[in-house]
Amino acid sequence: MIGLVAVTRSGRAAAKRLAAAWPDARLYNESEGEPASIALPKAFGECDTIVCFLAVGATVRLIAPLLRGKAQDPGVVCVDEALRYAVPVLGAHAGGGNELAGRVAELLGAEPVITTASDAAGVTALDDFGADLGFTVEPGSDLAAVGSAILSGERVTFTTDTQWPLPPLPPNVVRTDAPEPATPAIVVTDRNVHFPERAVVFRPASLIVGAGSSRGAPAAEIGQLIDATLADLALSPRSVRYLATVDAKADEQGLLTAAAERGWRVVTFPAGELAGVPVPNPSEVVRRAVGTPSVAEAAALIDPDATLLAAKRTSAHATVAVARCRPRGRLTVIGIGPGARDLMTPRAVAGLRRAAVVAGLDSYLDQVSDLLRPGTKVLASGLGAEQERAAEAVAQAQAGHAVALIGSGDAGVYAMGSPALELADGRIDVTAVPGVTAALAAAAVLGAPLGHDHVMISLSDLHTAWPVIERRIMAAGEGDLVACFYNPASAKRDWQLRRALELLAARRPPGTPVGWVRDATRPGQAASVSTLAEFDPGQVDMHTLVVVGSSRTRVLAGRMVTPRDYRWADG
């Protein structure tokens, strides 16, 4: 929940604007009677983040006695009376303060004032490094010293047990497989190992503890068995993702208490699902009791990518097994929009900054180079290398990296989405970030030509036989659909657009509007509207999109408009 605290009439008005936009926000002192000295401590104890319409100094004095620690404190953002600035004063990274300041600034037209050094330098902050993967920081880690070394350009070593889809680290952070890396160091491991001073140890959520017990088994016994098993394997309990068991044990108090004491959640699975998991030590006794030949081993191995580290171990009333999950690489297919930076979505920007590997057409990568964090691996290729580009991006993700594959407009429309997803398998996680397409950008320049049914057709016959393209054009003509032509011409293809217009001219009036836009939203944008009878195909190229109206499309005040025809049918 987001807490909102205001002390003036204008502050409360601004807070109400935020509350109207954010369903999870609550205004704590909506009435004028309650002072901030009462409202802010309430919000501090109940909320994940807080927006204070209060001076920074006053806010700091009020929250100072409430501070608990970086991992527990909410992010706090102060907004000045004139709504000019949104200033994170607490929990910038771990508490989400920087992100909240950006959201506040966007809604109120303010400027976020970000003072954290890693953000100013554009590098990944150690505070939330791997947080979206479930990483936690080992107590005693020296975040300040290692973070300072990174920002100062000092050589920092990086060690990990396995490849995780992590964000990029700057070039002065050097990966090493040395058992005792030189300091300052960043270490990612689920093992209990000695680590030196000036090191940060991240615990990945890589382990699953499978557990079963008889009815009424003591929590102490279950916990001791778990602890002994992890200790024998030299594994950190901080890397346990969850304790897994069968649905029939969902209310087993001993299991629930043992997990809660260790800060783990309990996840249960149906007996039928566990019965389908191959295990080394099945038991008919267990099958007769709960409907699956294994609880502990099967629950630990419920993730198909898991490897069993400890086969089931038993005590008088409990059974435990431990498995390690293989990290899954990430592929994010990102549409960067038609060209103008303000038409690139915030989600696309976030995806680019999160990726450690970014692949794309060289000219598109040039457009987003300033958004990439230092240390990002860039895989650039030229026109015609689409399959190779997709294959390399997928291979990088399969190797465990966080990969972004970019395309102009929307990456799923005549771009990199389909060739990549044809190659991607179940070993990686795939996310698509939609973008503003060239057709939408061009239509906005021309007016409202897509106000009714329309179709997009590529005139490039490199991958589709021309007879197939002709049939699609004729179908669009017969259906009286507005037609958007992608790839209308190139240096080697100069007749396809003329033929497409001939096919449509046989099926709609000669005065049908035809619009073209070159480099929509980019520098040098050019556009014009003509008719089927007068349009000159020689003025277009590969950077142009051509829109041919339907029989109902009109030119009004120089703009193409296809009526939506909002009318109730006679019944």
Protein backbone atom coordinates (compact mmCIF):
# COMPACT_ATOMS: atom_id res chain seq x y z
CA MET A 1 0.00 0.00 0.00
CA ILE A 2 1.09 3.56 -0.71
CA GLY A 3 0.55 6.02 2.13
CA LEU A 4 -0.20 9.67 1.38
CA VAL A 5 0.41 12.32 4.05
CA ALA A 6 -0.39 16.03 3.51
CA VAL A 7 -0.64 19.01 5.81
CA THR A 8 -1.93 21.81 3.56
CA ARG A 9 -5.00 22.24 1.42
CA SER A 10 -3.00 22.13 -1.80
CA GLY A 11 -1.05 19.12 -0.55
CA ARG A 12 -4.26 17.25 0.22
CA ALA A 13 -5.62 18.14 -3.22
CA ALA A 14 -2.48 16.71 -4.87
CA ALA A 15 -2.64 13.64 -2.62
CA LYS A 16 -6.22 13.05 -3.73
CA ARG A 17 -5.05 13.17 -7.36
CA LEU A 18 -2.60 10.39 -6.59
CA ALA A 19 -5.21 8.41 -4.68
CA ALA A 20 -7.58 8.65 -7.64
CA ALA A 21 -4.88 7.25 -9.97
CA TRP A 22 -3.58 4.56 -7.62
CA PRO A 23 -6.08 2.01 -6.27
CA ASP A 24 -3.57 0.89 -3.62
CA ALA A 25 -3.06 4.41 -2.18
CA ARG A 26 -4.57 5.76 1.05
CA LEU A 27 -4.67 9.36 2.26
CA TYR A 28 -3.93 9.21 5.98
CA ASN A 29 -4.95 12.70 7.11
CA GLU A 30 -7.74 13.59 4.73
CA SER A 31 -9.29 15.91 7.29
CA GLU A 32 -7.49 19.06 8.36
CA GLY A 33 -7.49 18.11 12.03
CA GLU A 34 -4.94 15.29 12.15
CA PRO A 35 -1.30 16.51 12.18
CA ALA A 36 1.50 14.86 10.23
CA SER A 37 3.14 13.88 13.54
CA ILE A 38 0.32 11.36 13.99
CA ALA A 39 -0.46 10.45 10.36
CA LEU A 40 3.13 9.81 9.22
CA PRO A 41 4.05 7.27 11.95
CA LYS A 42 0.80 5.41 11.19
CA ALA A 43 1.67 5.26 7.49
CA PHE A 44 5.26 4.27 8.27
CA GLY A 45 4.08 1.21 10.15
CA GLU A 46 1.46 0.12 7.61
CA CYS A 47 2.67 1.05 4.12
CA ASP A 48 5.21 -0.20 1.61
CA THR A 49 5.91 3.33 0.36
CA ILE A 50 4.88 6.84 1.44
CA VAL A 51 4.44 10.17 -0.34
CA CYS A 52 4.72 13.18 2.02
CA PHE A 53 3.53 16.61 0.92
CA LEU A 54 5.85 18.04 3.52
CA ALA A 55 9.29 19.65 3.72
CA VAL A 56 12.22 17.23 3.67
CA GLY A 57 13.53 18.47 7.02
CA ALA A 58 10.20 18.02 8.76
CA THR A 59 9.76 14.56 7.25
CA VAL A 60 13.24 13.47 8.35
CA ARG A 61 12.62 14.60 11.93
CA LEU A 62 9.33 12.67 12.06
CA ILE A 63 10.63 9.40 10.61
CA ALA A 64 14.07 9.36 12.29
CA PRO A 65 12.83 7.58 15.47
CA LEU A 66 10.99 5.03 13.31
CA LEU A 67 13.92 3.74 11.26
CA ARG A 68 14.53 -0.02 11.47
CA GLY A 69 16.90 -0.84 8.62
CA LYS A 70 17.33 -0.73 4.87
CA ALA A 71 15.51 -4.00 4.32
CA GLN A 72 12.51 -3.05 6.47
CA ASP A 73 11.92 0.68 5.97
CA PRO A 74 9.41 1.89 3.36
CA GLY A 75 10.47 4.19 0.57
CA VAL A 76 9.58 7.79 1.45
CA VAL A 77 9.22 10.59 -1.12
CA CYS A 78 8.74 14.26 -0.30
CA VAL A 79 6.86 16.63 -2.62
CA ASP A 80 7.18 20.40 -2.20
CA GLU A 81 4.22 22.74 -1.86
CA ALA A 82 4.49 23.96 -5.47
CA LEU A 83 4.58 20.36 -6.77
CA ARG A 84 7.86 21.01 -8.57
CA TYR A 85 10.00 18.24 -7.11
CA ALA A 86 9.61 14.64 -5.91
CA VAL A 87 12.53 13.81 -3.63
CA PRO A 88 13.23 10.28 -2.29
CA VAL A 89 14.53 10.67 1.27
CA LEU A 90 14.43 7.05 2.44
CA GLY A 91 14.55 3.60 0.82
CA ALA A 92 15.55 4.83 -2.62
CA HIS A 93 16.37 1.33 -3.89
CA ALA A 94 15.26 -1.37 -1.46
CA GLY A 95 12.17 0.59 -0.42
CA GLY A 96 11.19 1.62 -3.95
CA GLY A 97 11.63 5.35 -3.28
CA ASN A 98 13.27 6.20 -6.59
CA GLU A 99 10.62 4.36 -8.57
CA LEU A 100 7.86 6.03 -6.57
CA ALA A 101 9.39 9.47 -7.17
CA GLY A 102 9.21 8.80 -10.91
CA ARG A 103 5.56 7.79 -10.67
CA VAL A 104 4.70 10.84 -8.59
CA ALA A 105 6.54 13.15 -10.97
CA GLU A 106 4.74 11.68 -13.98
CA LEU A 107 1.29 12.22 -12.48
CA LEU A 108 1.91 15.66 -10.96
CA GLY A 109 4.19 17.09 -13.64
CA ALA A 110 7.05 17.35 -11.14
CA GLU A 111 10.74 16.55 -11.50
CA PRO A 112 12.15 13.51 -9.69
CA VAL A 113 15.28 14.45 -7.74
CA ILE A 114 17.40 11.28 -7.68
CA THR A 115 20.55 11.56 -5.58
CA THR A 116 21.67 7.92 -5.26
CA ALA A 117 25.15 7.56 -6.75
CA SER A 118 24.48 4.40 -8.76
CA ASP A 119 21.53 6.02 -10.52
CA ALA A 120 23.55 9.14 -11.26
CA ALA A 121 26.28 6.95 -12.80
CA GLY A 122 23.75 4.76 -14.62
CA VAL A 123 25.02 1.53 -13.04
CA THR A 124 23.08 -1.26 -11.38
CA ALA A 125 22.60 -0.59 -7.67
CA LEU A 126 23.81 -3.32 -5.33
CA ASP A 127 20.90 -2.68 -2.97
CA ASP A 128 18.45 -4.39 -5.31
CA PHE A 129 20.87 -6.45 -7.44
CA GLY A 130 18.97 -9.63 -8.30
CA ALA A 131 16.03 -8.66 -6.10
CA ASP A 132 13.57 -9.61 -8.82
CA LEU A 133 15.18 -13.08 -8.81
CA GLY A 134 14.70 -13.49 -5.08
CA PHE A 135 18.28 -12.62 -4.10
CA THR A 136 18.93 -11.52 -0.53
CA VAL A 137 22.06 -9.98 0.97
CA GLU A 138 24.00 -11.99 3.53
CA PRO A 139 24.21 -10.07 6.84
CA GLY A 140 27.67 -8.62 7.31
CA SER A 141 28.11 -7.86 3.62
CA ASP A 142 29.85 -4.55 3.01
CA LEU A 143 27.48 -2.92 0.52
CA ALA A 144 28.92 0.53 1.06
CA ALA A 145 32.56 -0.42 0.45
CA VAL A 146 31.89 -2.56 -2.62
CA GLY A 147 29.42 -0.07 -4.07
CA SER A 148 31.93 2.72 -3.60
CA ALA A 149 34.63 0.65 -5.29
CA ILE A 150 32.39 0.07 -8.31
CA LEU A 151 31.56 3.74 -8.65
CA SER A 152 35.24 4.70 -8.22
CA GLY A 153 36.29 2.44 -11.09
CA GLU A 154 38.24 0.12 -8.81
CA ARG A 155 38.62 -3.50 -9.92
CA VAL A 156 35.90 -5.62 -8.33
CA THR A 157 35.68 -9.39 -8.75
CA PHE A 158 32.40 -11.18 -9.41
CA THR A 159 31.85 -14.86 -8.62
CA THR A 160 28.74 -16.97 -9.05
CA ASP A 161 28.07 -20.69 -8.70
CA THR A 162 26.00 -20.69 -11.86
CA GLN A 163 24.79 -18.26 -14.50
CA TRP A 164 21.81 -16.18 -13.39
CA PRO A 165 19.86 -13.74 -15.59
CA LEU A 166 21.31 -10.76 -13.77
CA PRO A 167 21.42 -7.10 -14.79
CA PRO A 168 24.70 -5.79 -16.23
CA LEU A 169 27.63 -4.74 -14.09
CA PRO A 170 30.14 -2.10 -15.28
CA PRO A 171 33.37 -3.16 -17.02
CA ASN A 172 35.48 -2.75 -13.87
CA VAL A 173 33.55 -5.66 -12.33
CA VAL A 174 35.45 -8.71 -13.58
CA ARG A 175 34.11 -12.25 -13.42
CA THR A 176 36.37 -14.87 -11.83
CA ASP A 177 36.04 -18.53 -10.90
CA ALA A 178 38.70 -18.35 -8.19
CA PRO A 179 37.59 -20.15 -4.99
CA GLU A 180 38.74 -17.16 -2.92
CA PRO A 181 38.24 -14.09 -5.13
CA ALA A 182 40.25 -10.95 -4.59
CA THR A 183 38.48 -8.13 -2.83
CA PRO A 184 36.48 -6.04 -3.18
CA ALA A 185 34.19 -8.80 -4.37
CA ILE A 186 30.61 -9.69 -5.27
CA VAL A 187 29.72 -13.33 -4.60
CA VAL A 188 26.51 -15.11 -5.62
CA THR A 189 26.24 -18.49 -3.91
CA ASP A 190 23.87 -20.74 -1.99
CA ARG A 191 26.82 -22.41 -0.25
CA ASN A 192 28.03 -21.66 3.24
CA VAL A 193 31.52 -20.44 2.46
CA HIS A 194 33.89 -18.07 4.17
CA PHE A 195 33.88 -14.66 2.57
CA PRO A 196 36.41 -11.92 3.23
CA GLU A 197 35.96 -8.31 4.20
CA ARG A 198 34.97 -5.80 1.51
CA ALA A 199 32.65 -8.36 -0.06
CA VAL A 200 28.93 -8.58 -0.75
CA VAL A 201 27.43 -12.06 -0.69
CA PHE A 202 24.09 -12.52 -2.42
CA ARG A 203 21.97 -15.54 -1.58
CA PRO A 204 19.96 -16.70 -4.60
CA ALA A 205 16.59 -18.37 -4.05
CA SER A 206 17.90 -21.59 -5.57
CA LEU A 207 16.91 -24.31 -3.09
CA ILE A 208 13.67 -26.15 -2.43
CA VAL A 209 13.25 -28.11 0.79
CA GLY A 210 10.75 -30.93 0.41
CA ALA A 211 9.27 -32.13 3.67
CA GLY A 212 6.72 -34.56 4.99
CA SER A 213 5.73 -35.55 8.49
CA SER A 214 3.39 -37.66 10.49
CA ARG A 215 0.37 -35.98 12.03
CA GLY A 216 1.37 -33.85 15.01
CA ALA A 217 5.12 -33.98 14.39
CA PRO A 218 6.90 -31.38 16.58
CA ALA A 219 8.19 -28.28 14.82
CA ALA A 220 11.48 -28.57 16.67
CA GLU A 221 12.10 -32.06 15.30
CA ILE A 222 11.25 -31.01 11.75
CA GLY A 223 13.42 -27.91 12.03
CA GLN A 224 16.38 -29.83 13.42
CA LEU A 225 16.21 -32.33 10.55
CA ILE A 226 16.09 -29.51 8.00
CA ASP A 227 18.95 -27.62 9.61
CA ALA A 228 21.14 -30.72 9.86
CA THR A 229 20.50 -31.62 6.22
CA LEU A 230 21.41 -28.13 4.98
CA ALA A 231 24.47 -28.03 7.24
CA ASP A 232 25.71 -31.40 5.96
CA LEU A 233 25.44 -30.02 2.42
CA ALA A 234 27.10 -26.72 3.43
CA LEU A 235 24.06 -24.85 2.08
CA SER A 236 22.67 -21.55 3.33
CA PRO A 237 19.10 -21.53 4.63
CA ARG A 238 18.86 -18.01 3.20
CA SER A 239 18.83 -19.57 -0.28
CA VAL A 240 15.73 -21.67 0.35
CA ARG A 241 12.96 -20.54 -1.98
CA TYR A 242 10.21 -22.34 -0.07
CA LEU A 243 9.32 -25.47 1.85
CA ALA A 244 7.28 -27.81 -0.33
CA THR A 245 4.92 -30.56 0.78
CA VAL A 246 1.72 -32.35 -0.19
CA ASP A 247 -1.71 -30.67 -0.01
CA ALA A 248 -2.74 -33.03 2.77
CA LYS A 249 -0.14 -31.36 5.01
CA ALA A 250 -1.26 -27.80 4.32
CA ASP A 251 -2.51 -27.47 7.91
CA GLU A 252 0.29 -29.45 9.58
CA GLN A 253 1.30 -27.08 12.34
CA GLY A 254 4.77 -28.51 12.83
CA LEU A 255 5.68 -27.93 9.18
CA LEU A 256 4.12 -24.46 9.18
CA THR A 257 5.93 -23.41 12.34
CA ALA A 258 9.31 -24.81 11.24
CA ALA A 259 9.04 -22.89 7.98
CA ALA A 260 7.87 -19.66 9.63
CA GLU A 261 10.73 -19.75 12.12
CA ARG A 262 13.14 -19.76 9.19
CA GLY A 263 11.32 -17.10 7.21
CA TRP A 264 10.16 -19.50 4.49
CA ARG A 265 6.77 -19.79 2.88
CA VAL A 266 5.07 -23.18 2.54
CA VAL A 267 3.89 -24.32 -0.89
CA THR A 268 1.70 -27.41 -1.23
CA PHE A 269 1.00 -29.62 -4.23
CA PRO A 270 -1.70 -32.19 -5.02
CA ALA A 271 -0.74 -35.80 -4.36
CA GLY A 272 -1.48 -36.65 -7.98
CA GLU A 273 1.03 -34.07 -9.21
CA LEU A 274 3.73 -35.30 -6.82
CA ALA A 275 3.04 -38.88 -7.90
CA GLY A 276 4.12 -37.95 -11.42
CA VAL A 277 7.59 -36.76 -10.31
CA PRO A 278 10.32 -39.41 -10.73
CA VAL A 279 12.17 -39.99 -7.45
CA PRO A 280 14.98 -42.31 -6.38
CA ASN A 281 13.25 -43.65 -3.25
CA PRO A 282 9.51 -44.26 -3.76
CA SER A 283 7.52 -45.87 -0.97
CA GLU A 284 4.34 -47.88 -1.22
CA VAL A 285 3.65 -47.13 2.44
CA VAL A 286 3.61 -43.42 1.67
CA ARG A 287 1.48 -44.00 -1.44
CA ARG A 288 -1.17 -45.80 0.60
CA ALA A 289 -1.12 -43.04 3.22
CA VAL A 290 -1.27 -39.87 1.08
CA GLY A 291 -1.71 -40.98 -2.54
CA THR A 292 1.86 -40.43 -3.78
CA PRO A 293 4.92 -42.71 -3.40
CA SER A 294 7.01 -39.72 -2.32
CA VAL A 295 6.40 -36.46 -0.51
CA ALA A 296 9.79 -35.00 0.44
CA GLU A 297 11.76 -35.97 -2.69
CA ALA A 298 8.89 -35.33 -5.11
CA ALA A 299 8.12 -31.95 -3.53
CA ALA A 300 11.79 -30.94 -3.68
CA LEU A 301 11.94 -31.98 -7.35
CA ILE A 302 8.62 -30.38 -8.35
CA ASP A 303 10.51 -27.86 -10.49
CA PRO A 304 11.41 -29.75 -13.69
CA ASP A 305 14.81 -28.02 -13.75
CA ALA A 306 15.70 -29.11 -10.20
CA THR A 307 18.54 -31.45 -9.22
CA LEU A 308 18.32 -33.51 -6.05
CA LEU A 309 21.13 -32.64 -3.63
CA ALA A 310 19.96 -34.65 -0.65
CA ALA A 311 17.78 -37.73 -0.99
CA LYS A 312 15.16 -38.13 1.70
CA ARG A 313 16.43 -38.11 5.25
CA THR A 314 14.24 -39.16 8.11
CA SER A 315 13.75 -38.65 11.80
CA ALA A 316 11.19 -40.28 14.04
CA HIS A 317 8.30 -38.23 12.61
CA ALA A 318 9.63 -36.28 9.60
CA THR A 319 11.21 -36.66 6.17
CA VAL A 320 13.28 -34.05 4.35
CA ALA A 321 14.92 -33.75 0.92
CA VAL A 322 16.71 -30.81 -0.75
CA ALA A 323 16.96 -29.88 -4.43
CA ARG A 324 18.61 -27.04 -6.33
CA CYS A 325 16.77 -25.30 -9.16
CA ARG A 326 18.53 -24.38 -12.37
CA PRO A 327 18.22 -20.67 -13.16
CA ARG A 328 16.15 -19.92 -16.24
CA GLY A 329 17.46 -17.42 -18.72
CA ARG A 330 15.25 -14.51 -19.77
CA LEU A 331 14.42 -13.24 -23.22
CA THR A 332 12.54 -9.95 -23.44
CA VAL A 333 11.34 -9.05 -26.93
CA ILE A 334 11.00 -5.27 -26.97
CA GLY A 335 9.30 -2.96 -29.43
CA ILE A 336 11.10 0.38 -29.26
CA GLY A 337 8.38 2.27 -31.11
CA PRO A 338 8.42 4.15 -34.40
CA GLY A 339 11.38 6.42 -33.61
CA ALA A 340 10.47 9.31 -31.33
CA ARG A 341 11.84 8.70 -27.84
CA ASP A 342 8.64 9.85 -26.13
CA LEU A 343 6.74 7.13 -27.98
CA MET A 344 8.93 4.43 -26.45
CA THR A 345 7.06 2.94 -23.51
CA PRO A 346 8.44 3.10 -19.95
CA ARG A 347 8.29 -0.71 -19.87
CA ALA A 348 10.53 -0.87 -22.93
CA VAL A 349 13.05 1.47 -21.28
CA ALA A 350 13.00 -0.64 -18.11
CA GLY A 351 13.52 -3.81 -20.13
CA LEU A 352 16.53 -2.35 -21.93
CA ARG A 353 18.10 -1.23 -18.66
CA ARG A 354 17.48 -4.60 -17.01
CA ALA A 355 19.09 -6.67 -19.79
CA ALA A 356 22.73 -7.73 -19.63
CA VAL A 357 22.69 -8.62 -23.34
CA VAL A 358 20.89 -6.54 -25.98
CA ALA A 359 20.57 -7.73 -29.58
CA GLY A 360 19.16 -5.87 -32.55
CA LEU A 361 19.64 -4.20 -35.89
CA ASP A 362 22.66 -1.90 -35.70
CA SER A 363 20.68 1.24 -36.55
CA TYR A 364 18.06 0.46 -33.88
CA LEU A 365 20.75 -0.15 -31.27
CA ASP A 366 22.18 3.26 -32.08
CA GLN A 367 18.80 4.78 -31.17
CA VAL A 368 18.79 3.24 -27.67
CA SER A 369 22.51 3.18 -26.84
CA ASP A 370 22.13 5.93 -24.22
CA LEU A 371 19.59 3.81 -22.32
CA LEU A 372 21.88 0.81 -21.82
CA ARG A 373 23.71 0.44 -18.55
CA PRO A 374 27.52 0.29 -18.50
CA GLY A 375 28.69 -3.27 -19.05
CA THR A 376 25.80 -4.28 -21.30
CA LYS A 377 26.87 -6.72 -24.02
CA VAL A 378 25.62 -5.45 -27.38
CA LEU A 379 25.02 -7.85 -30.30
CA ALA A 380 24.54 -5.73 -33.42
CA SER A 381 23.88 -7.03 -36.92
CA GLY A 382 22.75 -5.62 -40.25
CA LEU A 383 19.74 -5.97 -42.52
CA GLY A 384 19.10 -9.50 -43.72
CA ALA A 385 20.49 -11.18 -40.59
CA GLU A 386 17.17 -11.53 -38.80
CA GLN A 387 17.30 -15.31 -38.32
CA GLU A 388 20.88 -15.23 -37.09
CA ARG A 389 20.03 -12.35 -34.73
CA ALA A 390 17.08 -14.22 -33.27
CA ALA A 391 19.12 -17.41 -32.90
CA GLU A 392 21.91 -15.62 -31.06
CA ALA A 393 19.49 -13.88 -28.70
CA VAL A 394 17.78 -17.17 -27.85
CA ALA A 395 21.15 -18.91 -27.39
CA GLN A 396 22.26 -16.21 -24.95
CA ALA A 397 19.05 -16.66 -22.96
CA GLN A 398 19.45 -20.43 -22.98
CA ALA A 399 22.93 -19.88 -21.53
CA GLY A 400 21.24 -18.20 -18.57
CA HIS A 401 21.57 -14.50 -19.42
CA ALA A 402 19.02 -11.69 -19.28
CA VAL A 403 18.58 -10.79 -22.94
CA ALA A 404 16.64 -8.07 -24.73
CA LEU A 405 15.91 -8.46 -28.44
CA ILE A 406 14.70 -5.21 -29.95
CA GLY A 407 12.70 -4.31 -33.02
CA SER A 408 11.21 -1.08 -34.28
CA GLY A 409 7.54 -0.37 -33.76
CA ASP A 410 6.12 -3.46 -32.09
CA ALA A 411 8.62 -6.32 -32.12
CA GLY A 412 5.81 -8.77 -32.89
CA VAL A 413 4.72 -6.97 -36.08
CA TYR A 414 7.01 -7.66 -39.08
CA ALA A 415 9.90 -7.73 -36.62
CA MET A 416 11.92 -10.01 -34.36
CA GLY A 417 9.20 -11.50 -32.19
CA SER A 418 8.14 -14.39 -34.41
CA PRO A 419 11.62 -15.62 -35.49
CA ALA A 420 12.75 -15.55 -31.87
CA LEU A 421 9.71 -17.34 -30.49
CA GLU A 422 9.99 -20.00 -33.19
CA LEU A 423 13.38 -20.88 -31.69
CA ALA A 424 12.67 -20.35 -27.99
CA ASP A 425 11.89 -23.46 -25.96
CA GLY A 426 10.62 -24.17 -22.48
CA ARG A 427 14.04 -23.72 -20.89
CA ILE A 428 13.79 -19.92 -20.88
CA ASP A 429 11.27 -17.31 -19.79
CA VAL A 430 10.02 -15.09 -22.59
CA THR A 431 8.33 -11.71 -22.19
CA ALA A 432 7.12 -9.39 -24.94
CA VAL A 433 6.95 -5.62 -24.47
CA PRO A 434 4.52 -4.05 -26.97
CA GLY A 435 5.41 -0.92 -28.88
CA VAL A 436 3.72 1.73 -31.00
CA THR A 437 3.72 0.31 -34.53
CA ALA A 438 4.72 2.10 -37.72
CA ALA A 439 1.11 1.78 -38.92
CA LEU A 440 -0.22 3.55 -35.82
CA ALA A 441 2.43 6.27 -36.03
CA ALA A 442 1.79 6.87 -39.73
CA ALA A 443 -1.98 6.85 -39.22
CA ALA A 444 -1.63 9.50 -36.52
CA VAL A 445 0.30 11.70 -38.96
CA LEU A 446 -2.29 11.24 -41.70
CA GLY A 447 -5.36 11.74 -39.51
CA ALA A 448 -7.64 8.82 -38.63
CA PRO A 449 -7.48 6.45 -41.61
CA LEU A 450 -7.78 3.33 -39.41
CA GLY A 451 -11.11 4.34 -37.90
CA HIS A 452 -12.74 1.17 -39.21
CA ASP A 453 -11.64 -2.30 -40.28
CA HIS A 454 -8.17 -2.43 -41.79
CA VAL A 455 -5.43 -4.81 -42.77
CA MET A 456 -1.61 -4.69 -42.75
CA ILE A 457 0.23 -6.29 -45.67
CA SER A 458 3.96 -6.44 -46.35
CA LEU A 459 4.85 -6.05 -49.99
CA SER A 460 8.26 -7.67 -49.55
CA ASP A 461 8.40 -10.97 -51.42
CA LEU A 462 11.66 -12.07 -49.79
CA HIS A 463 9.80 -14.45 -47.46
CA THR A 464 6.34 -14.61 -49.03
CA ALA A 465 5.68 -15.54 -52.67
CA TRP A 466 4.21 -12.68 -54.68
CA PRO A 467 1.12 -14.67 -55.80
CA VAL A 468 0.25 -15.13 -52.12
CA ILE A 469 0.65 -11.40 -51.50
CA GLU A 470 -1.56 -10.62 -54.52
CA ARG A 471 -4.36 -12.85 -53.16
CA ARG A 472 -4.22 -11.00 -49.85
CA ILE A 473 -4.38 -7.60 -51.57
CA MET A 474 -7.38 -8.72 -53.63
CA ALA A 475 -9.10 -10.02 -50.50
CA ALA A 476 -8.56 -6.63 -48.83
CA GLY A 477 -10.04 -4.99 -51.90
CA GLU A 478 -13.07 -7.27 -51.98
CA GLY A 479 -13.62 -6.69 -48.27
CA ASP A 480 -13.32 -2.90 -48.70
CA LEU A 481 -10.68 -2.79 -45.96
CA VAL A 482 -8.27 0.08 -45.42
CA ALA A 483 -4.86 -1.32 -46.44
CA CYS A 484 -1.56 -0.43 -44.75
CA PHE A 485 1.39 -1.43 -46.90
CA TYR A 486 4.65 -2.16 -45.12
CA ASN A 487 7.91 -2.49 -47.10
CA PRO A 488 6.38 -0.89 -50.20
CA ALA A 489 9.64 -0.50 -52.16
CA SER A 490 13.40 -0.80 -52.02
CA ALA A 491 16.35 -0.32 -54.32
CA LYS A 492 15.74 -3.80 -55.77
CA ARG A 493 11.92 -3.83 -55.57
CA ASP A 494 10.20 -1.03 -57.44
CA TRP A 495 7.11 -2.57 -59.06
CA GLN A 496 5.20 -4.27 -56.21
CA LEU A 497 3.48 -1.15 -54.88
CA ARG A 498 2.35 -0.12 -58.36
CA ARG A 499 0.83 -3.58 -58.85
CA ALA A 500 -0.85 -3.47 -55.43
CA LEU A 501 -2.47 -0.14 -56.25
CA GLU A 502 -3.67 -1.51 -59.59
CA LEU A 503 -5.36 -4.41 -57.80
CA LEU A 504 -7.11 -2.08 -55.36
CA ALA A 505 -8.04 0.43 -58.09
CA ALA A 506 -10.05 -2.31 -59.77
CA ARG A 507 -12.12 -2.66 -56.62
CA ARG A 508 -12.62 0.91 -55.33
CA PRO A 509 -13.16 4.42 -56.75
CA PRO A 510 -10.26 6.36 -58.34
CA GLY A 511 -10.78 9.16 -55.81
CA THR A 512 -10.03 6.83 -52.88
CA PRO A 513 -7.54 8.62 -50.59
CA VAL A 514 -3.98 7.30 -50.45
CA GLY A 515 -1.59 8.59 -47.80
CA TRP A 516 2.10 8.01 -47.34
CA VAL A 517 4.45 8.77 -44.46
CA ARG A 518 8.22 8.51 -44.52
CA ASP A 519 10.16 8.25 -41.23
CA ALA A 520 7.06 8.73 -39.08
CA THR A 521 7.96 10.56 -35.81
CA ARG A 522 11.65 10.65 -36.78
CA PRO A 523 13.74 13.62 -37.90
CA GLY A 524 12.96 14.32 -41.55
CA GLN A 525 9.41 13.04 -41.35
CA ALA A 526 7.49 13.63 -44.58
CA ALA A 527 3.89 12.87 -45.48
CA SER A 528 1.26 13.59 -48.10
CA VAL A 529 -2.25 12.56 -49.15
CA SER A 530 -3.28 11.82 -52.73
CA THR A 531 -5.74 9.51 -54.50
CA LEU A 532 -5.59 6.13 -56.17
CA ALA A 533 -5.72 7.81 -59.55
CA GLU A 534 -2.99 10.38 -58.87
CA PHE A 535 -0.62 8.72 -56.40
CA ASP A 536 2.98 8.33 -57.61
CA PRO A 537 4.56 5.09 -56.27
CA GLY A 538 8.00 6.42 -57.21
CA GLN A 539 8.10 8.68 -54.15
CA VAL A 540 8.20 5.85 -51.58
CA ASP A 541 11.01 3.69 -50.19
CA MET A 542 11.61 1.16 -47.40
CA HIS A 543 11.19 3.88 -44.77
CA THR A 544 7.69 4.69 -46.04
CA LEU A 545 4.32 3.30 -45.03
CA VAL A 546 1.43 3.65 -47.50
CA VAL A 547 -2.20 3.72 -46.40
CA VAL A 548 -4.94 3.16 -48.97
CA GLY A 549 -8.40 4.10 -47.74
CA SER A 550 -11.62 2.16 -48.11
CA SER A 551 -14.48 3.32 -50.27
CA ARG A 552 -15.76 5.33 -47.28
CA THR A 553 -12.46 7.06 -46.41
CA ARG A 554 -12.55 10.82 -46.92
CA VAL A 555 -10.10 13.73 -46.83
CA LEU A 556 -11.36 16.37 -44.42
CA ALA A 557 -9.32 19.53 -43.85
CA GLY A 558 -6.33 17.75 -45.35
CA ARG A 559 -6.64 14.70 -43.09
CA MET A 560 -7.57 11.13 -44.02
CA VAL A 561 -10.62 9.96 -42.07
CA THR A 562 -12.34 6.58 -42.24
CA PRO A 563 -15.75 6.95 -40.51
CA ARG A 564 -16.44 4.64 -37.61
CA ASP A 565 -20.17 4.68 -38.44
CA TYR A 566 -21.55 4.57 -34.91
CA ARG A 567 -25.16 3.77 -35.68
CA TRP A 568 -27.64 1.29 -34.25
CA ALA A 569 -28.83 -1.13 -36.86
CA ASP A 570 -32.53 -1.01 -37.62
CA GLY A 571 -34.08 -3.93 -35.78
